[in-house]
C-alpha cells in the first residue's frame, strides 16, 4: 500500500515517527516483526486505510 501511494520508506517512517530501518523490517520480516498497537492507527491514517 505504501508503494502504491508513492510514499518512500523514509517519508513513511517520518510520518509514523519511526526509523526507515523499522519500516524496512516490517516490510521484509512481516509477521516476524509485528507492528506495535500504538502505531496502527497512525499507519491507517497515512495510508488512508479504513
PDB file of N, CA and C in Angstrom:
ATOM      1  N   UNK A   1       0.823  -1.194   0.000  1.00  0.00           N
ATOM      2  CA  UNK A   1       0.000   0.000   0.000  1.00  0.00           C
ATOM      3  C   UNK A   1       0.867   1.259   0.000  1.00  0.00           C
ATOM      4  N   UNK A   2       1.964   1.202   0.720  1.00  0.00           N
ATOM      5  CA  UNK A   2       2.842   2.370   0.788  1.00  0.00           C
ATOM      6  C   UNK A   2       3.393   2.705  -0.589  1.00  0.00           C
ATOM      7  N   UNK A   3       3.893   1.703  -1.291  1.00  0.00           N
ATOM      8  CA  UNK A   3       4.479   1.965  -2.596  1.00  0.00           C
ATOM      9  C   UNK A   3       3.414   2.356  -3.618  1.00  0.00           C
ATOM     10  N   UNK A   4       2.223   1.807  -3.501  1.00  0.00           N
ATOM     11  CA  UNK A   4       1.141   2.179  -4.419  1.00  0.00           C
ATOM     12  C   UNK A   4       0.794   3.657  -4.276  1.00  0.00           C
ATOM     13  N   UNK A   5       0.970   4.195  -3.078  1.00  0.00           N
ATOM     14  CA  UNK A   5       0.701   5.613  -2.833  1.00  0.00           C
ATOM     15  C   UNK A   5       1.940   6.476  -3.083  1.00  0.00           C
ATOM     16  N   UNK A   6       3.000   5.822  -3.565  1.00  0.00           N
ATOM     17  CA  UNK A   6       4.259   6.502  -3.896  1.00  0.00           C
ATOM     18  C   UNK A   6       4.845   7.271  -2.706  1.00  0.00           C
ATOM     19  N   UNK A   7       4.827   6.603  -1.551  1.00  0.00           N
ATOM     20  CA  UNK A   7       5.424   7.152  -0.337  1.00  0.00           C
ATOM     21  C   UNK A   7       6.720   6.387  -0.091  1.00  0.00           C
ATOM     22  N   UNK A   8       7.824   7.097   0.055  1.00  0.00           N
ATOM     23  CA  UNK A   8       9.091   6.428   0.317  1.00  0.00           C
ATOM     24  C   UNK A   8       9.100   5.850   1.732  1.00  0.00           C
ATOM     25  N   UNK A   9       9.981   4.894   1.953  1.00  0.00           N
ATOM     26  CA  UNK A   9      10.119   4.351   3.302  1.00  0.00           C
ATOM     27  C   UNK A   9      10.502   5.448   4.275  1.00  0.00           C
ATOM     28  N   UNK A  10      11.391   6.326   3.855  1.00  0.00           N
ATOM     29  CA  UNK A  10      11.846   7.407   4.727  1.00  0.00           C
ATOM     30  C   UNK A  10      10.696   8.350   5.084  1.00  0.00           C
ATOM     31  N   UNK A  11       9.908   8.756   4.095  1.00  0.00           N
ATOM     32  CA  UNK A  11       8.772   9.647   4.357  1.00  0.00           C
ATOM     33  C   UNK A  11       7.727   8.962   5.227  1.00  0.00           C
ATOM     34  N   UNK A  12       7.479   7.694   4.951  1.00  0.00           N
ATOM     35  CA  UNK A  12       6.520   6.934   5.749  1.00  0.00           C
ATOM     36  C   UNK A  12       6.992   6.838   7.195  1.00  0.00           C
ATOM     37  N   UNK A  13       8.273   6.507   7.364  1.00  0.00           N
ATOM     38  CA  UNK A  13       8.837   6.393   8.705  1.00  0.00           C
ATOM     39  C   UNK A  13       8.737   7.716   9.456  1.00  0.00           C
ATOM     40  N   UNK A  14       9.049   8.813   8.779  1.00  0.00           N
ATOM     41  CA  UNK A  14       8.948  10.126   9.425  1.00  0.00           C
ATOM     42  C   UNK A  14       7.517  10.430   9.844  1.00  0.00           C
ATOM     43  N   UNK A  15       6.550  10.079   9.003  1.00  0.00           N
ATOM     44  CA  UNK A  15       5.143  10.332   9.323  1.00  0.00           C
ATOM     45  C   UNK A  15       4.675   9.502  10.514  1.00  0.00           C
ATOM     46  N   UNK A  16       5.193   8.275  10.616  1.00  0.00           N
ATOM     47  CA  UNK A  16       4.822   7.396  11.724  1.00  0.00           C
ATOM     48  C   UNK A  16       5.585   7.764  12.995  1.00  0.00           C
ATOM     49  N   UNK A  17       6.771   8.305  12.817  1.00  0.00           N
ATOM     50  CA  UNK A  17       7.598   8.635  13.971  1.00  0.00           C
ATOM     51  C   UNK A  17       8.597   7.536  14.294  1.00  0.00           C
ATOM     52  N   UNK A  18       8.930   6.745  13.285  1.00  0.00           N
ATOM     53  CA  UNK A  18       9.873   5.655  13.465  1.00  0.00           C
ATOM     54  C   UNK A  18      11.003   5.798  12.451  1.00  0.00           C
ATOM     55  N   UNK A  19      11.960   4.884  12.487  1.00  0.00           N
ATOM     56  CA  UNK A  19      13.098   4.946  11.568  1.00  0.00           C
ATOM     57  C   UNK A  19      12.778   4.235  10.256  1.00  0.00           C
ATOM     58  N   UNK A  20      13.551   4.577   9.234  1.00  0.00           N
ATOM     59  CA  UNK A  20      13.400   3.916   7.934  1.00  0.00           C
ATOM     60  C   UNK A  20      13.703   2.431   8.067  1.00  0.00           C
ATOM     61  N   UNK A  21      14.665   2.082   8.901  1.00  0.00           N
ATOM     62  CA  UNK A  21      15.008   0.665   9.076  1.00  0.00           C
ATOM     63  C   UNK A  21      13.851  -0.104   9.724  1.00  0.00           C
ATOM     64  N   UNK A  22      13.064   0.552  10.567  1.00  0.00           N
ATOM     65  CA  UNK A  22      11.885  -0.076  11.171  1.00  0.00           C
ATOM     66  C   UNK A  22      10.877  -0.421  10.082  1.00  0.00           C
ATOM     67  N   UNK A  23      10.633   0.522   9.162  1.00  0.00           N
ATOM     68  CA  UNK A  23       9.712   0.275   8.060  1.00  0.00           C
ATOM     69  C   UNK A  23      10.232  -0.875   7.194  1.00  0.00           C
ATOM     70  N   UNK A  24      11.509  -0.842   6.885  1.00  0.00           N
ATOM     71  CA  UNK A  24      12.116  -1.919   6.092  1.00  0.00           C
ATOM     72  C   UNK A  24      11.897  -3.270   6.761  1.00  0.00           C
ATOM     73  N   UNK A  25      12.139  -3.341   8.060  1.00  0.00           N
ATOM     74  CA  UNK A  25      11.972  -4.600   8.783  1.00  0.00           C
ATOM     75  C   UNK A  25      10.526  -5.072   8.763  1.00  0.00           C
ATOM     76  N   UNK A  26       9.588  -4.165   8.936  1.00  0.00           N
ATOM     77  CA  UNK A  26       8.165  -4.527   8.903  1.00  0.00           C
ATOM     78  C   UNK A  26       7.822  -5.088   7.525  1.00  0.00           C
ATOM     79  N   UNK A  27       8.327  -4.442   6.490  1.00  0.00           N
ATOM     80  CA  UNK A  27       8.010  -4.873   5.128  1.00  0.00           C
ATOM     81  C   UNK A  27       8.700  -6.170   4.727  1.00  0.00           C
ATOM     82  N   UNK A  28       9.882  -6.420   5.243  1.00  0.00           N
ATOM     83  CA  UNK A  28      10.606  -7.625   4.827  1.00  0.00           C
ATOM     84  C   UNK A  28      10.411  -8.807   5.768  1.00  0.00           C
ATOM     85  N   UNK A  29      10.225  -8.540   7.044  1.00  0.00           N
ATOM     86  CA  UNK A  29      10.078  -9.630   8.006  1.00  0.00           C
ATOM     87  C   UNK A  29       8.622  -9.994   8.259  1.00  0.00           C
ATOM     88  N   UNK A  30       7.704  -9.108   7.888  1.00  0.00           N
ATOM     89  CA  UNK A  30       6.277  -9.394   8.014  1.00  0.00           C
ATOM     90  C   UNK A  30       5.852  -9.786   9.410  1.00  0.00           C
ATOM     91  N   UNK A  31       5.344 -11.002   9.531  1.00  0.00           N
ATOM     92  CA  UNK A  31       4.791 -11.469  10.804  1.00  0.00           C
ATOM     93  C   UNK A  31       5.844 -11.608  11.892  1.00  0.00           C
ATOM     94  N   UNK A  32       7.113 -11.710  11.499  1.00  0.00           N
ATOM     95  CA  UNK A  32       8.176 -11.828  12.489  1.00  0.00           C
ATOM     96  C   UNK A  32       8.447 -10.499  13.196  1.00  0.00           C
ATOM     97  N   UNK A  33       7.910  -9.414  12.645  1.00  0.00           N
ATOM     98  CA  UNK A  33       8.100  -8.095  13.232  1.00  0.00           C
ATOM     99  C   UNK A  33       6.734  -7.417  13.365  1.00  0.00           C
ATOM    100  N   UNK A  34       5.935  -7.838  14.356  1.00  0.00           N
ATOM    101  CA  UNK A  34       4.599  -7.267  14.487  1.00  0.00           C
ATOM    102  C   UNK A  34       4.646  -5.760  14.740  1.00  0.00           C
ATOM    103  N   UNK A  35       3.633  -5.078  14.252  1.00  0.00           N
ATOM    104  CA  UNK A  35       3.547  -3.629  14.417  1.00  0.00           C
ATOM    105  C   UNK A  35       2.939  -3.337  15.788  1.00  0.00           C
ATOM    106  N   UNK A  36       3.625  -2.525  16.590  1.00  0.00           N
ATOM    107  CA  UNK A  36       3.070  -2.174  17.899  1.00  0.00           C
ATOM    108  C   UNK A  36       1.711  -1.488  17.749  1.00  0.00           C
ATOM    109  N   UNK A  37       0.809  -1.844  18.602  1.00  0.00           N
ATOM    110  CA  UNK A  37      -0.571  -1.345  18.569  1.00  0.00           C
ATOM    111  C   UNK A  37      -0.653   0.176  18.480  1.00  0.00           C
ATOM    112  N   UNK A  38       0.236   0.874  19.166  1.00  0.00           N
ATOM    113  CA  UNK A  38       0.155   2.337  19.195  1.00  0.00           C
ATOM    114  C   UNK A  38       0.423   2.981  17.836  1.00  0.00           C
ATOM    115  N   UNK A  39       0.998   2.240  16.893  1.00  0.00           N
ATOM    116  CA  UNK A  39       1.285   2.795  15.569  1.00  0.00           C
ATOM    117  C   UNK A  39       0.235   2.436  14.515  1.00  0.00           C
ATOM    118  N   UNK A  40      -0.619   1.489  14.816  1.00  0.00           N
ATOM    119  CA  UNK A  40      -1.581   1.019  13.824  1.00  0.00           C
ATOM    120  C   UNK A  40      -2.514   2.125  13.349  1.00  0.00           C
ATOM    121  N   UNK A  41      -3.071   2.910  14.253  1.00  0.00           N
ATOM    122  CA  UNK A  41      -3.988   3.996  13.858  1.00  0.00           C
ATOM    123  C   UNK A  41      -3.267   5.037  13.002  1.00  0.00           C
ATOM    124  N   UNK A  42      -2.032   5.346  13.344  1.00  0.00           N
ATOM    125  CA  UNK A  42      -1.248   6.317  12.565  1.00  0.00           C
ATOM    126  C   UNK A  42      -1.013   5.784  11.156  1.00  0.00           C
ATOM    127  N   UNK A  43      -0.636   4.523  11.063  1.00  0.00           N
ATOM    128  CA  UNK A  43      -0.360   3.920   9.759  1.00  0.00           C
ATOM    129  C   UNK A  43      -1.622   3.887   8.910  1.00  0.00           C
ATOM    130  N   UNK A  44      -2.743   3.520   9.500  1.00  0.00           N
ATOM    131  CA  UNK A  44      -4.008   3.502   8.755  1.00  0.00           C
ATOM    132  C   UNK A  44      -4.345   4.881   8.218  1.00  0.00           C
ATOM    133  N   UNK A  45      -4.116   5.902   9.014  1.00  0.00           N
ATOM    134  CA  UNK A  45      -4.410   7.268   8.576  1.00  0.00           C
ATOM    135  C   UNK A  45      -3.495   7.677   7.416  1.00  0.00           C
ATOM    136  N   UNK A  46      -2.223   7.389   7.525  1.00  0.00           N
ATOM    137  CA  UNK A  46      -1.271   7.750   6.482  1.00  0.00           C
ATOM    138  C   UNK A  46      -1.624   7.059   5.164  1.00  0.00           C
ATOM    139  N   UNK A  47      -2.009   5.784   5.242  1.00  0.00           N
ATOM    140  CA  UNK A  47      -2.324   5.022   4.042  1.00  0.00           C
ATOM    141  C   UNK A  47      -3.781   5.178   3.610  1.00  0.00           C
ATOM    142  N   UNK A  48      -4.540   5.946   4.407  1.00  0.00           N
ATOM    143  CA  UNK A  48      -5.961   6.150   4.114  1.00  0.00           C
ATOM    144  C   UNK A  48      -6.694   4.817   4.051  1.00  0.00           C
ATOM    145  N   UNK A  49      -6.395   3.967   5.017  1.00  0.00           N
ATOM    146  CA  UNK A  49      -6.946   2.615   5.106  1.00  0.00           C
ATOM    147  C   UNK A  49      -7.981   2.598   6.215  1.00  0.00           C
ATOM    148  N   UNK A  50      -9.147   2.090   5.889  1.00  0.00           N
ATOM    149  CA  UNK A  50     -10.222   2.075   6.897  1.00  0.00           C
ATOM    150  C   UNK A  50     -10.701   0.680   7.152  1.00  0.00           C
TER     151      UNK A  50
END
